[in-house]
Amino acid sequence: MNERTKKLAIIANPSSQEIYESDSWQFNCAAWSADDLEKFAELIVRECMKVSRLNTRVDSKVYLMIQEHFGVEE
């Protein structure tokens, strides 16, 4: 898990901060609630939307397509 993904995991599940900041962390979805997992997935989708919007080579429709496909609201 890269640093950005770790930050998203902490945002989705703040009680996991100590785990992900340690050197010997292990991602364990079984310890997460369904709400935390949904939040984590939504944060990843939002990151994809952000990247697509910032990338000037990509048509802005990609942002809207990602948003619509995953049902993420602004």
N, C-alpha and C. Protein backbone atom coordinates (compact mmCIF):
# COMPACT_ATOMS: atom_id res chain seq x y z
N MET A 1 0.85 -1.16 0.00
CA MET A 1 0.00 0.00 0.00
C MET A 1 0.91 1.23 0.00
N ASN A 2 0.70 2.13 -0.96
CA ASN A 2 1.54 3.32 -1.00
C ASN A 2 1.09 4.35 0.04
N GLU A 3 1.84 5.41 0.17
CA GLU A 3 1.57 6.40 1.22
C GLU A 3 0.19 7.04 1.06
N ARG A 4 -0.21 7.35 -0.17
CA ARG A 4 -1.52 7.98 -0.38
C ARG A 4 -2.64 7.02 0.02
N THR A 5 -2.49 5.74 -0.32
CA THR A 5 -3.51 4.75 0.04
C THR A 5 -3.58 4.58 1.55
N LYS A 6 -2.43 4.62 2.22
CA LYS A 6 -2.42 4.55 3.69
C LYS A 6 -3.18 5.73 4.28
N LYS A 7 -2.97 6.93 3.71
CA LYS A 7 -3.67 8.12 4.21
C LYS A 7 -5.18 7.98 4.02
N LEU A 8 -5.59 7.42 2.89
CA LEU A 8 -7.02 7.20 2.66
C LEU A 8 -7.59 6.18 3.64
N ALA A 9 -6.81 5.14 3.94
CA ALA A 9 -7.25 4.14 4.91
C ALA A 9 -7.45 4.77 6.29
N ILE A 10 -6.57 5.68 6.66
CA ILE A 10 -6.68 6.35 7.95
C ILE A 10 -7.89 7.27 7.97
N ILE A 11 -8.15 7.96 6.87
CA ILE A 11 -9.33 8.83 6.79
C ILE A 11 -10.60 7.98 6.91
N ALA A 12 -10.63 6.84 6.23
CA ALA A 12 -11.80 5.98 6.24
C ALA A 12 -12.01 5.31 7.60
N ASN A 13 -10.91 5.00 8.28
CA ASN A 13 -10.97 4.29 9.56
C ASN A 13 -9.94 4.91 10.50
N PRO A 14 -10.28 6.05 11.12
CA PRO A 14 -9.31 6.76 11.95
C PRO A 14 -8.68 5.92 13.06
N SER A 15 -9.40 4.91 13.54
CA SER A 15 -8.83 4.08 14.60
C SER A 15 -7.66 3.24 14.12
N SER A 16 -7.45 3.20 12.80
CA SER A 16 -6.35 2.41 12.24
C SER A 16 -5.05 3.21 12.09
N GLN A 17 -5.06 4.47 12.47
CA GLN A 17 -3.90 5.33 12.23
C GLN A 17 -2.62 4.76 12.81
N GLU A 18 -2.67 4.29 14.05
CA GLU A 18 -1.47 3.74 14.68
C GLU A 18 -0.93 2.55 13.91
N ILE A 19 -1.83 1.72 13.41
CA ILE A 19 -1.43 0.52 12.67
C ILE A 19 -0.70 0.90 11.39
N TYR A 20 -1.28 1.81 10.62
CA TYR A 20 -0.72 2.15 9.31
C TYR A 20 0.52 3.02 9.40
N GLU A 21 0.71 3.68 10.53
CA GLU A 21 1.91 4.50 10.69
C GLU A 21 3.08 3.70 11.24
N SER A 22 2.83 2.48 11.68
CA SER A 22 3.92 1.65 12.20
C SER A 22 4.67 1.00 11.03
N ASP A 23 5.86 0.52 11.32
CA ASP A 23 6.67 -0.12 10.28
C ASP A 23 6.19 -1.53 9.95
N SER A 24 5.45 -2.14 10.85
CA SER A 24 5.05 -3.53 10.65
C SER A 24 3.53 -3.65 10.51
N TRP A 25 2.93 -2.77 9.73
CA TRP A 25 1.48 -2.80 9.54
C TRP A 25 1.07 -3.91 8.59
N GLN A 26 -0.17 -4.33 8.73
CA GLN A 26 -0.74 -5.31 7.82
C GLN A 26 -2.19 -4.89 7.56
N PHE A 27 -2.54 -4.74 6.29
CA PHE A 27 -3.90 -4.34 5.93
C PHE A 27 -4.84 -5.51 6.21
N ASN A 28 -5.85 -5.29 7.03
CA ASN A 28 -6.77 -6.35 7.41
C ASN A 28 -8.20 -5.85 7.27
N CYS A 29 -8.80 -6.12 6.12
CA CYS A 29 -10.17 -5.68 5.87
C CYS A 29 -11.17 -6.34 6.82
N ALA A 30 -10.85 -7.51 7.32
CA ALA A 30 -11.78 -8.21 8.20
C ALA A 30 -12.03 -7.42 9.48
N ALA A 31 -11.08 -6.58 9.86
CA ALA A 31 -11.22 -5.78 11.08
C ALA A 31 -12.01 -4.49 10.84
N TRP A 32 -12.39 -4.23 9.59
CA TRP A 32 -13.09 -3.00 9.25
C TRP A 32 -14.59 -3.25 9.21
N SER A 33 -15.34 -2.22 9.56
CA SER A 33 -16.80 -2.31 9.42
C SER A 33 -17.16 -2.10 7.95
N ALA A 34 -18.36 -2.48 7.60
CA ALA A 34 -18.83 -2.29 6.22
C ALA A 34 -18.82 -0.81 5.86
N ASP A 35 -19.18 0.05 6.81
CA ASP A 35 -19.18 1.49 6.55
C ASP A 35 -17.78 2.02 6.27
N ASP A 36 -16.80 1.53 7.03
CA ASP A 36 -15.41 1.96 6.81
C ASP A 36 -14.90 1.51 5.45
N LEU A 37 -15.23 0.28 5.06
CA LEU A 37 -14.81 -0.23 3.76
C LEU A 37 -15.46 0.57 2.62
N GLU A 38 -16.72 0.90 2.80
CA GLU A 38 -17.42 1.70 1.79
C GLU A 38 -16.78 3.09 1.68
N LYS A 39 -16.45 3.68 2.81
CA LYS A 39 -15.80 5.00 2.82
C LYS A 39 -14.44 4.92 2.13
N PHE A 40 -13.68 3.87 2.40
CA PHE A 40 -12.37 3.68 1.79
C PHE A 40 -12.49 3.57 0.27
N ALA A 41 -13.46 2.77 -0.19
CA ALA A 41 -13.68 2.62 -1.63
C ALA A 41 -14.07 3.96 -2.25
N GLU A 42 -14.93 4.70 -1.57
CA GLU A 42 -15.36 6.00 -2.08
C GLU A 42 -14.18 6.97 -2.18
N LEU A 43 -13.31 6.94 -1.19
CA LEU A 43 -12.14 7.82 -1.22
C LEU A 43 -11.22 7.47 -2.39
N ILE A 44 -11.06 6.20 -2.68
CA ILE A 44 -10.23 5.78 -3.82
C ILE A 44 -10.86 6.27 -5.13
N VAL A 45 -12.18 6.12 -5.25
CA VAL A 45 -12.87 6.59 -6.46
C VAL A 45 -12.71 8.10 -6.59
N ARG A 46 -12.84 8.82 -5.49
CA ARG A 46 -12.67 10.29 -5.53
C ARG A 46 -11.25 10.68 -5.98
N GLU A 47 -10.26 9.91 -5.53
CA GLU A 47 -8.89 10.16 -5.97
C GLU A 47 -8.77 9.97 -7.48
N CYS A 48 -9.40 8.93 -8.00
CA CYS A 48 -9.38 8.69 -9.45
C CYS A 48 -10.05 9.84 -10.18
N MET A 49 -11.15 10.31 -9.65
CA MET A 49 -11.86 11.44 -10.25
C MET A 49 -10.96 12.68 -10.26
N LYS A 50 -10.27 12.90 -9.14
CA LYS A 50 -9.40 14.07 -9.02
C LYS A 50 -8.26 14.00 -10.04
N VAL A 51 -7.66 12.83 -10.16
CA VAL A 51 -6.56 12.66 -11.11
C VAL A 51 -7.05 12.87 -12.54
N SER A 52 -8.23 12.34 -12.84
CA SER A 52 -8.74 12.51 -14.20
C SER A 52 -9.04 13.98 -14.51
N ARG A 53 -9.47 14.71 -13.51
CA ARG A 53 -9.79 16.13 -13.71
C ARG A 53 -8.51 16.96 -13.85
N LEU A 54 -7.45 16.58 -13.15
CA LEU A 54 -6.19 17.33 -13.19
C LEU A 54 -5.38 17.04 -14.45
N ASN A 55 -5.63 15.91 -15.06
CA ASN A 55 -4.86 15.50 -16.23
C ASN A 55 -5.44 16.20 -17.47
N THR A 56 -4.71 17.15 -17.99
CA THR A 56 -5.22 17.95 -19.11
C THR A 56 -5.31 17.15 -20.41
N ARG A 57 -4.67 16.00 -20.48
CA ARG A 57 -4.75 15.17 -21.69
C ARG A 57 -6.04 14.36 -21.73
N VAL A 58 -6.72 14.29 -20.61
CA VAL A 58 -7.95 13.50 -20.52
C VAL A 58 -9.15 14.42 -20.65
N ASP A 59 -10.07 14.00 -21.47
CA ASP A 59 -11.32 14.75 -21.64
C ASP A 59 -12.03 14.83 -20.29
N SER A 60 -12.62 15.97 -19.98
CA SER A 60 -13.29 16.14 -18.69
C SER A 60 -14.47 15.19 -18.52
N LYS A 61 -14.91 14.57 -19.59
CA LYS A 61 -16.01 13.61 -19.50
C LYS A 61 -15.60 12.38 -18.69
N VAL A 62 -14.31 12.09 -18.64
CA VAL A 62 -13.83 10.93 -17.88
C VAL A 62 -14.19 11.10 -16.41
N TYR A 63 -14.00 12.28 -15.88
CA TYR A 63 -14.35 12.59 -14.49
C TYR A 63 -15.82 12.25 -14.25
N LEU A 64 -16.69 12.73 -15.12
CA LEU A 64 -18.12 12.50 -14.97
C LEU A 64 -18.48 11.03 -15.15
N MET A 65 -17.78 10.34 -16.04
CA MET A 65 -18.04 8.93 -16.26
C MET A 65 -17.68 8.11 -15.02
N ILE A 66 -16.55 8.44 -14.40
CA ILE A 66 -16.13 7.75 -13.17
C ILE A 66 -17.16 8.03 -12.07
N GLN A 67 -17.52 9.29 -11.93
CA GLN A 67 -18.49 9.69 -10.91
C GLN A 67 -19.82 8.94 -11.09
N GLU A 68 -20.30 8.90 -12.29
CA GLU A 68 -21.59 8.25 -12.56
C GLU A 68 -21.49 6.73 -12.39
N HIS A 69 -20.41 6.14 -12.88
CA HIS A 69 -20.26 4.69 -12.81
C HIS A 69 -20.27 4.19 -11.36
N PHE A 70 -19.59 4.92 -10.47
CA PHE A 70 -19.50 4.48 -9.08
C PHE A 70 -20.55 5.13 -8.18
N GLY A 71 -21.34 6.03 -8.74
CA GLY A 71 -22.42 6.65 -7.96
C GLY A 71 -21.94 7.55 -6.85
N VAL A 72 -20.82 8.21 -7.08
CA VAL A 72 -20.25 9.10 -6.07
C VAL A 72 -20.82 10.50 -6.27
N GLU A 73 -21.34 11.08 -5.20
CA GLU A 73 -21.89 12.42 -5.28
C GLU A 73 -20.82 13.46 -4.97
N GLU A 74 -20.99 14.64 -5.52
CA GLU A 74 -20.03 15.74 -5.29
C GLU A 74 -19.96 16.09 -3.82
